[in-house]
Amino acid sequence: IQAMGSIEDGFKNLYISESKTAEGPVLSERSLLSIAADHINHAGPDFILELSQRKLFATWNLIVGKEMSVRSNFGCALHYYEQGILFIGNGVWIDDGVISNHQLCLDLYEGASNASLAMRNHKLVDYYTSVIFQNVWFERSIPAWIILMTSLESFGKHKEIVDKGIRLIRRLDIDVPPSPPGPRELV
């Protein structure tokens, strides 16, 4: 694993255009990164003991997951986000003082919840957003709330949307009456 630093340096210094040659298409840097991520993912996180290396490979998976999302390949995107989550492990939302885990975790879980939404898998959307809600400040959870509400709406779960929406509005210290106002109160 000590050689991984040179792999990372190789990717930073590599520039291959996406042009075609007489032999066929030339791989882009992103394509090479996805190949490298696939190989590392195949080995799995259990063989990577250094936390900095695990974060590096989680970041590779995040980058490839984002690229797959841009290409609307949400099944692959979800796979890479989940692999990144496996590399960072549980309970690593806390900043270790050197490399911030918090943003990496948030990006991976938001990516996974977005890909799950695109695949219409509400169970996964609910899971990934709930992890976000447990680990970030309310203000940073707003995108996850939007993802969750969109997922609920796509499945016609309007009562849940109203219930969660009222709780969300109350968290913003906006008073919501327990029942709608009568016709005379609206005037």
Protein backbone atom coordinates (compact mmCIF):
# COMPACT_ATOMS: atom_id res chain seq x y z
CA ILE A 1 0.00 0.00 0.00
CA GLN A 2 3.01 2.28 0.35
CA ALA A 3 3.07 2.50 -3.44
CA MET A 4 -0.36 4.14 -3.41
CA GLY A 5 1.22 7.55 -3.00
CA SER A 6 2.86 7.11 -6.37
CA ILE A 7 -0.48 6.05 -7.88
CA GLU A 8 -2.07 9.23 -6.54
CA ASP A 9 0.82 11.30 -7.94
CA GLY A 10 0.43 9.53 -11.27
CA PHE A 11 -3.23 10.54 -11.48
CA LYS A 12 -2.41 14.13 -10.58
CA ASN A 13 0.23 14.35 -13.31
CA LEU A 14 -1.63 12.33 -15.94
CA TYR A 15 -3.31 14.12 -18.79
CA ILE A 16 -4.76 12.13 -21.62
CA SER A 17 -7.22 13.78 -23.95
CA GLU A 18 -10.47 12.14 -24.91
CA SER A 19 -9.51 12.23 -28.57
CA LYS A 20 -9.41 9.23 -30.87
CA THR A 21 -6.28 7.81 -32.38
CA ALA A 22 -5.84 5.34 -35.22
CA GLU A 23 -5.84 2.58 -32.59
CA GLY A 24 -9.13 3.74 -31.04
CA PRO A 25 -10.30 6.01 -28.22
CA VAL A 26 -7.82 7.23 -25.64
CA LEU A 27 -8.85 6.84 -22.01
CA SER A 28 -9.54 10.01 -20.08
CA GLU A 29 -8.19 10.66 -16.61
CA ARG A 30 -11.68 9.98 -15.20
CA SER A 31 -11.83 6.62 -16.92
CA LEU A 32 -8.46 5.67 -15.48
CA LEU A 33 -9.58 6.79 -12.04
CA SER A 34 -12.67 4.59 -12.26
CA ILE A 35 -10.50 1.62 -13.27
CA ALA A 36 -8.19 2.29 -10.33
CA ALA A 37 -11.17 2.67 -7.98
CA ASP A 38 -12.62 -0.62 -9.26
CA HIS A 39 -9.37 -2.43 -8.47
CA ILE A 40 -9.11 -0.90 -5.01
CA ASN A 41 -12.81 -1.63 -4.34
CA HIS A 42 -12.28 -5.24 -5.34
CA ALA A 43 -9.59 -5.57 -2.68
CA GLY A 44 -11.91 -3.87 -0.18
CA PRO A 45 -11.36 -1.59 2.78
CA ASP A 46 -10.31 -4.37 5.17
CA PHE A 47 -6.86 -4.51 3.60
CA ILE A 48 -6.23 -0.78 3.92
CA LEU A 49 -5.13 0.00 7.46
CA GLU A 50 -4.02 3.61 7.13
CA LEU A 51 -6.88 6.05 7.64
CA SER A 52 -5.37 8.55 5.18
CA GLN A 53 -5.33 5.86 2.47
CA ARG A 54 -8.93 4.87 3.25
CA LYS A 55 -9.96 8.53 2.90
CA LEU A 56 -8.08 8.78 -0.38
CA PHE A 57 -9.92 5.76 -1.80
CA ALA A 58 -13.24 7.05 -0.46
CA THR A 59 -12.50 10.30 -2.30
CA TRP A 60 -11.73 8.38 -5.50
CA ASN A 61 -15.11 6.67 -5.20
CA LEU A 62 -16.79 10.03 -4.59
CA ILE A 63 -15.22 11.50 -7.73
CA VAL A 64 -16.22 8.53 -9.87
CA GLY A 65 -19.71 8.47 -8.30
CA LYS A 66 -20.18 12.13 -9.23
CA GLU A 67 -19.01 11.43 -12.76
CA MET A 68 -21.47 8.53 -13.08
CA SER A 69 -24.26 10.81 -11.79
CA VAL A 70 -23.42 13.42 -14.43
CA ARG A 71 -23.74 10.66 -17.01
CA SER A 72 -27.11 9.64 -15.49
CA ASN A 73 -25.77 6.20 -14.62
CA PHE A 74 -27.28 6.23 -11.13
CA GLY A 75 -26.85 2.51 -10.45
CA CYS A 76 -23.09 2.82 -10.94
CA ALA A 77 -23.04 6.12 -9.07
CA LEU A 78 -24.74 4.50 -6.07
CA HIS A 79 -22.21 1.65 -6.19
CA TYR A 80 -19.26 4.06 -6.02
CA TYR A 81 -20.84 6.18 -3.27
CA GLU A 82 -21.49 3.02 -1.24
CA GLN A 83 -17.92 1.83 -1.79
CA GLY A 84 -16.67 5.21 -0.58
CA ILE A 85 -18.86 4.87 2.51
CA LEU A 86 -17.36 1.43 3.17
CA PHE A 87 -13.84 2.87 2.99
CA ILE A 88 -14.52 5.64 5.50
CA GLY A 89 -16.39 3.27 7.83
CA ASN A 90 -18.81 4.04 10.63
CA GLY A 91 -18.45 6.83 13.14
CA VAL A 92 -16.00 8.91 11.14
CA TRP A 93 -18.09 12.05 10.75
CA ILE A 94 -15.93 13.71 13.40
CA ASP A 95 -13.02 15.77 12.14
CA ASP A 96 -9.71 14.11 13.05
CA GLY A 97 -7.91 17.45 13.06
CA VAL A 98 -5.84 16.68 9.98
CA ILE A 99 -8.18 15.67 7.19
CA SER A 100 -11.82 16.62 7.44
CA ASN A 101 -14.05 13.57 7.41
CA HIS A 102 -17.21 15.58 7.79
CA GLN A 103 -17.44 16.99 4.25
CA LEU A 104 -16.35 13.70 2.69
CA CYS A 105 -19.02 11.81 4.64
CA LEU A 106 -21.68 14.38 3.79
CA ASP A 107 -20.79 14.30 0.09
CA LEU A 108 -20.86 10.48 -0.05
CA TYR A 109 -24.17 10.19 1.80
CA GLU A 110 -25.81 13.00 -0.20
CA GLY A 111 -24.57 11.39 -3.39
CA ALA A 112 -25.95 8.01 -2.33
CA SER A 113 -29.30 9.51 -1.39
CA ASN A 114 -29.52 11.42 -4.70
CA ALA A 115 -28.65 8.31 -6.72
CA SER A 116 -31.21 6.32 -4.71
CA LEU A 117 -33.81 9.00 -5.44
CA ALA A 118 -33.08 8.80 -9.15
CA MET A 119 -33.50 5.02 -8.95
CA ARG A 120 -36.79 5.46 -7.03
CA ASN A 121 -35.53 3.49 -4.02
CA HIS A 122 -37.22 5.27 -1.14
CA LYS A 123 -35.92 2.82 1.46
CA LEU A 124 -32.33 3.78 0.61
CA VAL A 125 -33.18 7.48 0.40
CA ASP A 126 -34.69 7.25 3.87
CA TYR A 127 -31.62 5.41 5.21
CA TYR A 128 -28.98 7.74 3.75
CA THR A 129 -30.83 10.93 4.66
CA SER A 130 -31.42 9.70 8.22
CA VAL A 131 -27.66 9.18 8.62
CA ILE A 132 -27.14 12.75 7.42
CA PHE A 133 -29.76 14.09 9.86
CA GLN A 134 -27.99 12.33 12.75
CA ASN A 135 -24.58 13.71 11.92
CA VAL A 136 -24.84 17.28 10.64
CA TRP A 137 -26.15 20.59 11.88
CA PHE A 138 -29.68 21.36 10.82
CA GLU A 139 -28.59 24.02 8.32
CA ARG A 140 -26.34 21.52 6.53
CA SER A 141 -29.15 18.95 6.36
CA ILE A 142 -31.47 21.08 4.18
CA PRO A 143 -30.40 19.40 0.89
CA ALA A 144 -31.07 16.01 2.48
CA TRP A 145 -34.53 17.20 3.55
CA ILE A 146 -35.26 18.21 -0.03
CA ILE A 147 -34.13 14.79 -1.30
CA LEU A 148 -36.29 13.02 1.28
CA MET A 149 -39.37 15.15 0.57
CA THR A 150 -38.95 14.64 -3.18
CA SER A 151 -38.75 10.89 -2.64
CA LEU A 152 -41.87 10.89 -0.47
CA GLU A 153 -43.70 12.98 -3.06
CA SER A 154 -42.76 10.61 -5.88
CA PHE A 155 -44.41 7.77 -3.97
CA GLY A 156 -47.52 9.81 -3.16
CA LYS A 157 -46.82 9.83 0.60
CA HIS A 158 -48.46 13.21 1.11
CA LYS A 159 -49.34 12.75 4.78
CA GLU A 160 -45.71 12.00 5.60
CA ILE A 161 -44.63 15.06 3.61
CA VAL A 162 -47.01 17.27 5.60
CA ASP A 163 -45.94 15.75 8.94
CA LYS A 164 -42.22 16.06 8.18
CA GLY A 165 -42.72 19.51 6.63
CA ILE A 166 -44.46 20.81 9.76
CA ARG A 167 -41.65 19.43 11.94
CA LEU A 168 -39.11 21.05 9.64
CA ILE A 169 -40.90 24.43 9.77
CA ARG A 170 -41.13 24.22 13.57
CA ARG A 171 -37.36 23.58 13.73
CA LEU A 172 -37.02 26.96 12.03
CA ASP A 173 -38.97 28.45 14.97
CA ILE A 174 -41.99 29.21 12.83
CA ASP A 175 -45.24 28.59 14.67
CA VAL A 176 -47.59 26.23 12.88
CA PRO A 177 -51.10 25.98 14.37
CA PRO A 178 -52.33 22.43 15.09
CA SER A 179 -55.24 22.88 12.66
CA PRO A 180 -55.88 25.15 9.69
CA PRO A 181 -57.55 28.49 10.36
CA GLY A 182 -61.31 28.79 9.84
CA PRO A 183 -62.77 30.86 6.98
CA ARG A 184 -63.29 33.95 9.18
CA GLU A 185 -59.68 33.85 10.42
CA LEU A 186 -58.34 34.11 6.86
CA VAL A 187 -59.92 37.52 6.23
